[in-house]
Amino acid sequence: MRPADFSVVLIVKHNPGLKQSEVAEALGIQRANFVAIVDGLEARDLVERRKSETDRRVQALYLTPLGEQFAENMLTTWQAHEDRIVEKLGGPEARDELIRLVNRLAE
């Protein structure tokens, strides 16, 4: 799964019913590219489009049951990976210091 796909799944998981345009805007993805991402996630039965309850002209996004399970599995894997990295760095304080230094370089 590509990072953009995973990002869409996570946003929809935490914000079911958001309009497609809202999710695309939150991620900074152009509309044409976003439609292709959602088409792919729909084809994998992870996300579904539904008519918005407040505006029938727009499509709202929801995770399917398979999408919910997929998101939970991915979050568990992601957390385990992050825990391993933080441990190798020397703990949360070392991680925070690394982030601070990288941000300083980026300035």
Protein backbone atom coordinates (compact mmCIF):
# COMPACT_ATOMS: atom_id res chain seq x y z
CA MET A 1 0.00 0.00 0.00
CA ARG A 2 1.29 3.43 -0.91
CA PRO A 3 1.61 6.12 1.78
CA ALA A 4 -1.14 8.22 0.16
CA ASP A 5 -3.54 5.25 0.27
CA PHE A 6 -2.70 4.58 3.91
CA SER A 7 -3.20 8.26 4.74
CA VAL A 8 -6.67 8.23 3.17
CA VAL A 9 -7.62 5.09 5.11
CA LEU A 10 -6.46 6.66 8.39
CA ILE A 11 -8.28 9.94 7.83
CA VAL A 12 -11.50 8.12 6.88
CA LYS A 13 -11.13 5.81 9.89
CA HIS A 14 -10.92 8.75 12.28
CA ASN A 15 -13.43 10.92 10.39
CA PRO A 16 -16.08 8.71 8.79
CA GLY A 17 -18.43 10.57 6.49
CA LEU A 18 -16.00 13.28 5.37
CA LYS A 19 -16.54 14.50 1.83
CA GLN A 20 -14.03 13.34 -0.75
CA SER A 21 -12.97 16.95 -1.28
CA GLU A 22 -12.30 17.41 2.45
CA VAL A 23 -10.06 14.35 2.62
CA ALA A 24 -8.20 15.39 -0.54
CA GLU A 25 -7.70 18.90 0.82
CA ALA A 26 -6.48 17.64 4.20
CA LEU A 27 -3.82 15.57 2.44
CA GLY A 28 -2.96 18.15 -0.22
CA ILE A 29 -3.89 15.73 -3.03
CA GLN A 30 -5.27 17.11 -6.29
CA ARG A 31 -8.83 16.07 -7.02
CA ALA A 32 -7.99 14.10 -10.18
CA ASN A 33 -5.33 12.09 -8.33
CA PHE A 34 -7.58 11.62 -5.32
CA VAL A 35 -10.39 10.05 -7.36
CA ALA A 36 -7.93 7.42 -8.61
CA ILE A 37 -6.81 6.69 -5.03
CA VAL A 38 -10.39 6.23 -3.83
CA ASP A 39 -11.20 4.09 -6.88
CA GLY A 40 -8.31 1.80 -5.94
CA LEU A 41 -9.35 1.61 -2.30
CA GLU A 42 -12.92 0.84 -3.36
CA ALA A 43 -11.68 -1.91 -5.69
CA ARG A 44 -9.88 -3.46 -2.71
CA ASP A 45 -13.13 -3.20 -0.66
CA LEU A 46 -11.46 -0.95 1.94
CA VAL A 47 -13.43 2.28 1.39
CA GLU A 48 -16.92 3.01 0.14
CA ARG A 49 -18.52 6.15 -1.20
CA ARG A 50 -22.00 7.04 0.02
CA LYS A 51 -24.24 9.97 -0.72
CA SER A 52 -23.80 12.58 1.98
CA GLU A 53 -26.67 12.75 4.44
CA THR A 54 -26.56 16.56 4.40
CA ASP A 55 -25.92 17.15 0.68
CA ARG A 56 -26.97 14.39 -1.69
CA ARG A 57 -24.77 15.88 -4.46
CA VAL A 58 -21.53 14.97 -2.69
CA GLN A 59 -19.91 11.67 -1.84
CA ALA A 60 -18.94 10.86 1.73
CA LEU A 61 -16.25 8.28 2.51
CA TYR A 62 -16.52 5.40 4.95
CA LEU A 63 -14.41 2.36 5.69
CA THR A 64 -15.90 -1.02 4.92
CA PRO A 65 -15.67 -3.74 7.59
CA LEU A 66 -12.61 -5.05 5.74
CA GLY A 67 -11.22 -1.50 5.72
CA GLU A 68 -11.72 -1.20 9.48
CA GLN A 69 -9.84 -4.45 10.07
CA PHE A 70 -7.11 -3.44 7.63
CA ALA A 71 -6.67 -0.07 9.37
CA GLU A 72 -6.41 -1.74 12.79
CA ASN A 73 -3.81 -4.20 11.51
CA MET A 74 -1.79 -1.44 9.85
CA LEU A 75 -1.90 0.73 12.97
CA THR A 76 -0.67 -2.18 15.08
CA THR A 77 2.19 -2.82 12.63
CA TRP A 78 3.03 0.89 12.45
CA GLN A 79 3.11 1.20 16.25
CA ALA A 80 5.35 -1.85 16.61
CA HIS A 81 7.74 -0.42 14.02
CA GLU A 82 7.80 2.97 15.72
CA ASP A 83 8.43 1.34 19.10
CA ARG A 84 11.44 -0.55 17.64
CA ILE A 85 12.87 2.63 16.14
CA VAL A 86 12.39 4.65 19.34
CA GLU A 87 14.06 1.88 21.32
CA LYS A 88 17.06 1.85 18.94
CA LEU A 89 17.33 5.63 19.27
CA GLY A 90 17.49 5.34 23.05
CA GLY A 91 13.93 6.16 24.07
CA PRO A 92 11.34 8.90 23.60
CA GLU A 93 13.69 11.67 24.73
CA ALA A 94 16.24 10.72 22.07
CA ARG A 95 13.48 10.59 19.44
CA ASP A 96 12.29 14.05 20.45
CA GLU A 97 15.85 15.36 20.27
CA LEU A 98 16.28 13.87 16.79
CA ILE A 99 13.05 15.51 15.64
CA ARG A 100 14.17 18.83 17.13
CA LEU A 101 17.51 18.64 15.32
CA VAL A 102 15.96 17.68 11.99
CA ASN A 103 13.49 20.57 12.31
CA ARG A 104 16.40 22.89 13.03
CA LEU A 105 18.14 21.72 9.86
CA ALA A 106 14.95 22.23 7.88
CA GLU A 107 14.61 25.85 9.02
